[in-house]
Protein backbone atom coordinates (compact mmCIF):
# COMPACT_ATOMS: atom_id res chain seq x y z
CA UNK A 1 32.44 -24.55 -13.14
CA UNK A 2 33.42 -21.30 -11.52
CA UNK A 3 30.78 -19.06 -9.97
CA UNK A 4 31.81 -16.17 -12.31
CA UNK A 5 30.91 -18.33 -15.34
CA UNK A 6 27.53 -19.25 -13.90
CA UNK A 7 26.92 -15.59 -13.20
CA UNK A 8 27.77 -14.66 -16.69
CA UNK A 9 25.33 -17.21 -18.20
CA UNK A 10 22.53 -16.17 -15.82
CA UNK A 11 23.30 -12.41 -16.39
CA UNK A 12 23.72 -11.77 -12.75
CA UNK A 13 26.56 -10.77 -10.39
CA UNK A 14 28.91 -13.43 -8.86
CA UNK A 15 27.51 -12.22 -5.38
CA UNK A 16 24.02 -13.18 -6.53
CA UNK A 17 25.15 -16.62 -7.47
CA UNK A 18 26.83 -17.03 -4.07
CA UNK A 19 23.61 -15.81 -2.27
CA UNK A 20 21.55 -18.48 -4.41
CA UNK A 21 23.97 -21.21 -3.06
CA UNK A 22 24.05 -19.98 0.54
CA UNK A 23 21.21 -17.67 1.28
CA UNK A 24 18.48 -18.31 -1.40
CA UNK A 25 15.88 -16.62 0.84
CA UNK A 26 17.55 -13.35 0.08
CA UNK A 27 17.24 -13.59 -3.75
CA UNK A 28 14.36 -12.28 -5.87
CA UNK A 29 12.33 -15.19 -7.35
CA UNK A 30 13.17 -14.40 -11.00
CA UNK A 31 16.92 -14.18 -10.35
CA UNK A 32 16.87 -17.32 -8.21
CA UNK A 33 15.02 -19.30 -10.88
CA UNK A 34 17.54 -18.08 -13.54
CA UNK A 35 20.57 -18.99 -11.71
CA UNK A 36 19.18 -22.34 -10.60
CA UNK A 37 18.38 -23.08 -14.32
CA UNK A 38 21.90 -22.35 -15.33
CA UNK A 39 23.25 -24.66 -12.55
CA UNK A 40 21.01 -27.42 -13.53
CA UNK A 41 21.94 -27.01 -17.32
CA UNK A 42 25.67 -27.32 -16.47
CA UNK A 43 25.19 -29.98 -13.78
CA UNK A 44 26.70 -27.71 -11.14
CA UNK A 45 26.34 -29.04 -7.58
CA UNK A 46 27.42 -26.68 -4.73
CA UNK A 47 29.81 -28.18 -2.20
CA UNK A 48 27.86 -29.52 0.78
CA UNK A 49 27.62 -26.88 3.58
CA UNK A 50 29.70 -28.81 6.13
CA UNK A 51 32.62 -29.15 3.60
CA UNK A 52 32.80 -25.54 2.49
CA UNK A 53 35.67 -23.43 3.68
CA UNK A 54 35.41 -20.39 5.88
CA UNK A 55 32.95 -19.52 8.71
CA UNK A 56 29.54 -21.15 8.52
CA UNK A 57 26.53 -18.85 8.55
CA UNK A 58 24.38 -19.36 11.59
CA UNK A 59 20.84 -18.43 10.32
CA UNK A 60 18.17 -17.73 12.85
CA UNK A 61 14.89 -19.61 12.58
CA UNK A 62 12.70 -17.71 10.33
CA UNK A 63 9.67 -15.81 11.73
CA UNK A 64 6.50 -17.36 10.46
CA UNK A 65 4.25 -14.42 9.64
CA UNK A 66 0.74 -14.47 8.20
CA UNK A 67 -0.85 -11.73 6.25
CA UNK A 68 -4.54 -12.05 6.90
CA UNK A 69 -6.83 -10.52 4.09
CA UNK A 70 -10.09 -10.10 6.04
CA UNK A 71 -13.30 -10.35 4.00
CA UNK A 72 -11.40 -11.49 0.85
CA UNK A 73 -11.35 -14.70 -1.28
CA UNK A 74 -7.99 -16.08 -2.40
CA UNK A 75 -6.93 -14.27 -5.46
CA UNK A 76 -3.57 -13.80 -7.41
CA UNK A 77 -4.27 -10.08 -7.34
CA UNK A 78 -3.37 -10.17 -3.54
CA UNK A 79 0.13 -11.14 -4.20
CA UNK A 80 1.22 -7.51 -4.01
CA UNK A 81 2.33 -7.84 -0.34
CA UNK A 82 4.82 -10.52 -1.19
CA UNK A 83 5.97 -8.45 -4.28
CA UNK A 84 6.53 -5.37 -2.08
CA UNK A 85 8.24 -7.37 0.63
CA UNK A 86 10.74 -8.86 -1.83
CA UNK A 87 11.65 -5.31 -2.81
CA UNK A 88 12.53 -4.27 0.72
CA UNK A 89 13.81 -7.60 2.08
CA UNK A 90 16.70 -6.86 4.32
CA UNK A 91 20.18 -7.99 3.64
CA UNK A 92 20.50 -9.05 7.34
CA UNK A 93 20.28 -12.80 7.07
CA UNK A 94 19.41 -13.08 10.81
CA UNK A 95 16.02 -11.61 10.22
CA UNK A 96 14.33 -14.22 7.96
CA UNK A 97 10.62 -14.15 7.16
CA UNK A 98 8.52 -17.19 6.23
CA UNK A 99 5.39 -15.41 4.81
CA UNK A 100 2.05 -17.03 4.24
CA UNK A 101 -1.12 -15.34 2.99
CA UNK A 102 -4.45 -16.07 4.79
CA UNK A 103 -7.95 -15.40 3.76
CA UNK A 104 -11.46 -15.31 5.41
CA UNK A 105 -14.66 -14.48 3.60
CA UNK A 106 -16.00 -12.83 6.73
CA UNK A 107 -14.67 -10.49 9.39
CA UNK A 108 -16.32 -13.03 11.87
CA UNK A 109 -13.83 -15.86 11.17
CA UNK A 110 -10.30 -16.36 12.06
CA UNK A 111 -7.94 -18.13 9.75
CA UNK A 112 -7.02 -21.78 10.75
CA UNK A 113 -3.35 -20.90 10.74
CA UNK A 114 -4.15 -18.32 13.47
CA UNK A 115 -6.48 -20.48 15.52
CA UNK A 116 -3.90 -23.26 15.60
CA UNK A 117 -1.06 -20.89 16.15
CA UNK A 118 0.72 -22.18 13.03
CA UNK A 119 2.23 -18.70 12.55
CA UNK A 120 4.13 -16.71 14.99
CA UNK A 121 2.20 -13.45 14.36
CA UNK A 122 -0.23 -11.99 11.85
CA UNK A 123 -0.59 -8.70 9.84
CA UNK A 124 -4.30 -7.81 9.52
CA UNK A 125 -5.33 -6.27 6.23
CA UNK A 126 -8.73 -5.45 4.60
CA UNK A 127 -11.97 -5.24 6.69
CA UNK A 128 -11.74 -4.83 10.50
CA UNK A 129 -12.14 -8.10 12.21
CA UNK A 130 -15.23 -8.43 14.49
CA UNK A 131 -14.97 -7.84 18.17
CA UNK A 132 -15.31 -11.51 18.85
CA UNK A 133 -12.36 -12.24 16.52
CA UNK A 134 -10.31 -9.53 18.23
CA UNK A 135 -11.04 -11.11 21.57
CA UNK A 136 -9.95 -14.53 20.32
CA UNK A 137 -6.63 -12.96 19.09
CA UNK A 138 -6.01 -11.65 22.60
CA UNK A 139 -2.27 -11.14 23.19
CA UNK A 140 -1.33 -13.09 20.07
CA UNK A 141 1.25 -10.77 18.08
CA UNK A 142 -0.87 -8.85 15.50
CA UNK A 143 -0.54 -5.49 13.74
CA UNK A 144 -3.17 -3.66 11.77
CA UNK A 145 -2.13 -2.67 8.38
CA UNK A 146 -3.23 0.36 6.32
CA UNK A 147 -6.88 0.10 5.57
CA UNK A 148 -10.29 0.65 7.21
CA UNK A 149 -9.20 0.91 10.90
CA UNK A 150 -11.91 2.44 13.04
CA UNK A 151 -11.24 4.77 15.94
CA UNK A 152 -12.29 1.95 18.32
CA UNK A 153 -9.49 -0.34 17.10
CA UNK A 154 -7.31 -0.87 20.20
CA UNK A 155 -4.27 -2.75 18.79
CA UNK A 156 -0.97 -1.68 17.16
CA UNK A 157 -1.18 -0.26 13.60
CA UNK A 158 0.97 0.78 10.66
CA UNK A 159 -0.63 2.97 8.09
CA UNK A 160 -0.20 5.97 5.79
CA UNK A 161 -0.34 9.51 7.41
CA UNK A 162 -3.75 10.21 6.03
CA UNK A 163 -4.03 13.63 7.86
CA UNK A 164 -0.77 14.87 6.29
CA UNK A 165 -2.05 13.62 2.94
CA UNK A 166 -4.99 15.83 3.07
CA UNK A 167 -2.96 18.85 4.25
CA UNK A 168 -0.36 18.51 1.57
CA UNK A 169 -3.09 18.20 -1.06
CA UNK A 170 -4.58 21.58 0.01
CA UNK A 171 -1.21 23.18 0.16
CA UNK A 172 -0.25 22.01 -3.26
CA UNK A 173 -3.48 23.33 -4.95
CA UNK A 174 -2.88 26.62 -2.94
CA UNK A 175 0.65 26.80 -4.37
CA UNK A 176 -0.72 26.40 -7.74
CA UNK A 177 -2.88 29.53 -7.45
CA UNK A 178 -6.40 28.00 -6.97
CA UNK A 179 -8.89 29.83 -4.89
CA UNK A 180 -11.93 27.56 -5.35
CA UNK A 181 -11.26 23.86 -4.63
CA UNK A 182 -13.18 20.78 -4.15
CA UNK A 183 -12.84 17.31 -2.66
CA UNK A 184 -14.38 14.73 -4.89
CA UNK A 185 -14.44 10.99 -4.02
CA UNK A 186 -16.34 7.73 -3.77
CA UNK A 187 -16.34 5.66 -0.68
CA UNK A 188 -16.65 8.27 2.05
CA UNK A 189 -17.06 5.69 4.68
CA UNK A 190 -13.60 4.26 4.02
CA UNK A 191 -11.59 5.50 6.94
CA UNK A 192 -8.68 6.61 4.80
CA UNK A 193 -10.99 8.72 2.68
CA UNK A 194 -12.79 10.22 5.69
CA UNK A 195 -9.58 11.23 7.37
CA UNK A 196 -8.00 12.79 4.22
CA UNK A 197 -11.24 14.59 3.53
CA UNK A 198 -11.43 16.18 6.90
CA UNK A 199 -7.72 17.13 6.96
CA UNK A 200 -7.93 18.64 3.49
CA UNK A 201 -10.98 20.69 4.30
CA UNK A 202 -9.56 22.07 7.52
CA UNK A 203 -6.21 22.96 5.90
CA UNK A 204 -8.03 24.56 2.94
CA UNK A 205 -9.96 26.77 5.17
CA UNK A 206 -6.80 27.64 7.27
CA UNK A 207 -5.14 29.09 4.08
CA UNK A 208 -8.05 30.89 2.85
CA UNK A 209 -9.44 28.55 0.06
CA UNK A 210 -13.20 28.19 -0.70
CA UNK A 211 -13.65 24.38 -0.47
CA UNK A 212 -16.64 22.17 -1.46
CA UNK A 213 -16.86 18.50 -0.55
CA UNK A 214 -18.53 16.17 -3.29
CA UNK A 215 -18.77 12.54 -2.06
CA UNK A 216 -20.51 9.51 -3.34
CA UNK A 217 -22.69 7.08 -1.47
CA UNK A 218 -21.35 5.32 1.55
CA UNK A 219 -20.78 1.45 1.45
CA UNK A 220 -19.97 0.71 4.97
CA UNK A 221 -20.47 -3.10 4.60
CA UNK A 222 -18.41 -3.48 1.32
CA UNK A 223 -15.35 -5.47 1.32
CA UNK A 224 -12.18 -3.57 0.67
CA UNK A 225 -11.88 -5.19 -2.73
CA UNK A 226 -15.26 -3.85 -3.79
CA UNK A 227 -13.97 -0.37 -4.41
CA UNK A 228 -14.37 0.06 -8.17
CA UNK A 229 -17.45 2.36 -8.64
CA UNK A 230 -19.68 2.30 -11.70
CA UNK A 231 -18.92 4.97 -14.31
CA UNK A 232 -22.43 6.39 -13.45
CA UNK A 233 -21.16 7.31 -10.02
CA UNK A 234 -18.30 9.32 -11.46
CA UNK A 235 -20.81 11.06 -13.87
CA UNK A 236 -23.00 11.92 -10.90
CA UNK A 237 -20.07 13.43 -9.05
CA UNK A 238 -19.08 15.57 -12.08
CA UNK A 239 -22.67 16.84 -12.47
CA UNK A 240 -22.67 17.90 -8.90
CA UNK A 241 -19.35 19.73 -9.42
CA UNK A 242 -20.73 21.56 -12.48
CA UNK A 243 -23.55 22.97 -10.48
CA UNK A 244 -21.19 24.73 -8.15
CA UNK A 245 -20.73 28.55 -8.72
CA UNK A 246 -17.96 29.62 -9.17
CA UNK A 247 -16.90 26.08 -10.42
CA UNK A 248 -13.81 24.73 -8.51
CA UNK A 249 -10.67 24.56 -10.56
CA UNK A 250 -8.56 22.76 -8.06
CA UNK A 251 -9.55 19.09 -7.23
CA UNK A 252 -8.36 16.78 -4.52
CA UNK A 253 -9.04 13.13 -5.15
CA UNK A 254 -8.31 11.26 -1.88
CA UNK A 255 -7.91 7.76 -3.48
CA UNK A 256 -7.03 6.87 -7.07
CA UNK A 257 -8.88 3.68 -7.96
CA UNK A 258 -11.76 5.63 -9.65
CA UNK A 259 -9.79 8.51 -11.15
CA UNK A 260 -9.66 7.15 -14.62
CA UNK A 261 -13.54 7.03 -14.67
CA UNK A 262 -13.58 10.51 -12.99
CA UNK A 263 -11.30 12.12 -15.61
CA UNK A 264 -13.30 10.52 -18.40
CA UNK A 265 -16.43 12.04 -16.98
CA UNK A 266 -14.82 15.41 -16.64
CA UNK A 267 -13.71 15.16 -20.30
CA UNK A 268 -17.16 14.18 -21.45
CA UNK A 269 -18.46 17.18 -19.54
CA UNK A 270 -16.37 19.44 -21.74
CA UNK A 271 -13.60 20.01 -19.08
CA UNK A 272 -9.84 19.91 -19.98
CA UNK A 273 -7.09 19.30 -17.46
CA UNK A 274 -4.84 21.88 -19.21
CA UNK A 275 -7.56 24.72 -19.09
CA UNK A 276 -10.42 24.10 -16.62
CA UNK A 277 -9.19 22.01 -13.72
CA UNK A 278 -6.05 20.74 -12.04
CA UNK A 279 -6.13 17.56 -9.68
CA UNK A 280 -3.89 16.18 -7.14
CA UNK A 281 -4.36 12.51 -6.16
CA UNK A 282 -4.16 11.04 -2.62
CA UNK A 283 -2.38 8.04 -3.89
CA UNK A 284 0.15 7.06 -6.54
CA UNK A 285 -0.33 3.61 -8.17
CA UNK A 286 1.92 3.41 -11.19
CA UNK A 287 -0.36 0.82 -12.85
CA UNK A 288 -3.34 3.30 -12.67
CA UNK A 289 -1.38 6.61 -12.92
CA UNK A 290 0.40 5.78 -16.27
CA UNK A 291 -2.89 4.76 -17.93
CA UNK A 292 -4.52 8.21 -17.24
CA UNK A 293 -5.12 10.68 -20.02
CA UNK A 294 -2.87 13.13 -18.25
CA UNK A 295 -0.51 12.96 -15.32
CA UNK A 296 -1.62 14.98 -12.33
CA UNK A 297 0.29 15.55 -9.13
CA UNK A 298 -0.03 12.70 -6.67
CA UNK A 299 0.88 11.88 -3.04
CA UNK A 300 2.72 8.72 -2.96
CA UNK A 301 1.91 6.82 0.16
CA UNK A 302 5.35 4.92 -0.03
CA UNK A 303 3.89 1.23 0.03
CA UNK A 304 7.28 -0.36 0.15
CA UNK A 305 8.15 1.58 3.27
CA UNK A 306 4.84 0.74 4.92
CA UNK A 307 5.28 -2.97 4.15
CA UNK A 308 8.86 -2.89 5.69
CA UNK A 309 7.59 -1.03 8.75
CA UNK A 310 4.68 -3.44 9.43
CA UNK A 311 6.86 -6.59 9.07
CA UNK A 312 9.57 -4.99 11.41
CA UNK A 313 7.05 -4.02 13.99
CA UNK A 314 5.34 -7.46 14.06
CA UNK A 315 8.66 -9.04 14.43
CA UNK A 316 9.47 -6.69 17.29
CA UNK A 317 6.07 -7.69 18.86
CA UNK A 318 6.82 -11.40 18.49
CA UNK A 319 10.39 -10.89 20.15
CA UNK A 320 8.89 -8.69 22.92
CA UNK A 321 5.67 -10.39 24.07
CA UNK A 322 5.77 -8.62 27.50
CA UNK A 323 5.98 -5.13 26.11
CA UNK A 324 2.99 -2.91 26.99
CA UNK A 325 1.44 -0.01 25.40
CA UNK A 326 -0.30 0.61 22.11
CA UNK A 327 1.96 1.61 19.21
CA UNK A 328 0.80 3.44 16.11
CA UNK A 329 3.19 3.98 13.20
CA UNK A 330 2.51 6.36 10.29
CA UNK A 331 4.48 6.90 7.13
CA UNK A 332 4.42 10.38 5.43
CA UNK A 333 3.49 10.70 1.81
CA UNK A 334 5.77 12.05 -0.87
CA UNK A 335 4.43 14.64 -3.41
CA UNK A 336 4.95 13.31 -6.98
CA UNK A 337 4.87 15.93 -9.84
CA UNK A 338 5.40 15.32 -13.52
CA UNK A 339 5.99 18.23 -15.83
CA UNK A 340 3.43 20.73 -14.82
CA UNK A 341 2.09 23.62 -16.88
CA UNK A 342 2.18 27.14 -15.61
CA UNK A 343 0.23 27.96 -12.55
CA UNK A 344 -3.65 27.97 -12.85
CA UNK A 345 -5.10 31.03 -11.27
CA UNK A 346 -8.74 30.69 -10.39
């Protein structure tokens, strides 16, 4: 059976069928399964590689990369890294990635795959590993990714530009005509929150805004997964905001995981997004965003780009073991605005 006929039945392009046959690692899992199902149904068996015409592909050995979720138990919810990587997987067949996901309940423990060097390098995600773990890692290729990096962390990192996030949030609310603004957030000890809060406050003062910081209780020992606050915390934050005179009309919410609860508390306090306040979120997660009661402006941290950058940088570290110097890479956020009403003037 011709490749074109398989492509028609699988509802993909002939080029995708060719990749399934020759380079299956480059094909998204759903398309791969669909094409293989059609090939099985019609009893199609590709010609053995050594008998195919034309030049033979010389694939480089895949880089074995671990994504280490520190302080986390194995969970299907942490498959997001693989999902993002598939979206940005390079077409260059010579950079092949064999990805495994690793878990340790405690920042005091190293994954077995790292201890036994079953991977070529590791991306560190979640809580910061203990000093003892970092010492054991030594010069083994590793890159810190996104969350909870402290100022004392001495290795390479790839993360959102949290300072720019805060500054852009202040500039946006200023451009919308707000004079009195507030930063409102849970998890003030979370490093991304603290950096965004500080940058927003500094920029707001530079451009002449009156700014108030309203933060919840610190949870310095919480796992990065334990970030869903109780609704009572959102209510407490809103009560504090209601006590400010004049009440802020522009709100910067550095992270979005609690914004549904926050907006519900604002609504219960009698405040309306089309009349009493306007918010800008420091993150854009479509799953959260499109379940809100309104669609505020948001700063997209560009997660697919971050994933691509951290993989590329770890591969570079693996290929250049003698390179010296610490490298930090940040990715700028992008402002996302839906249809906005006319400017709100405080």
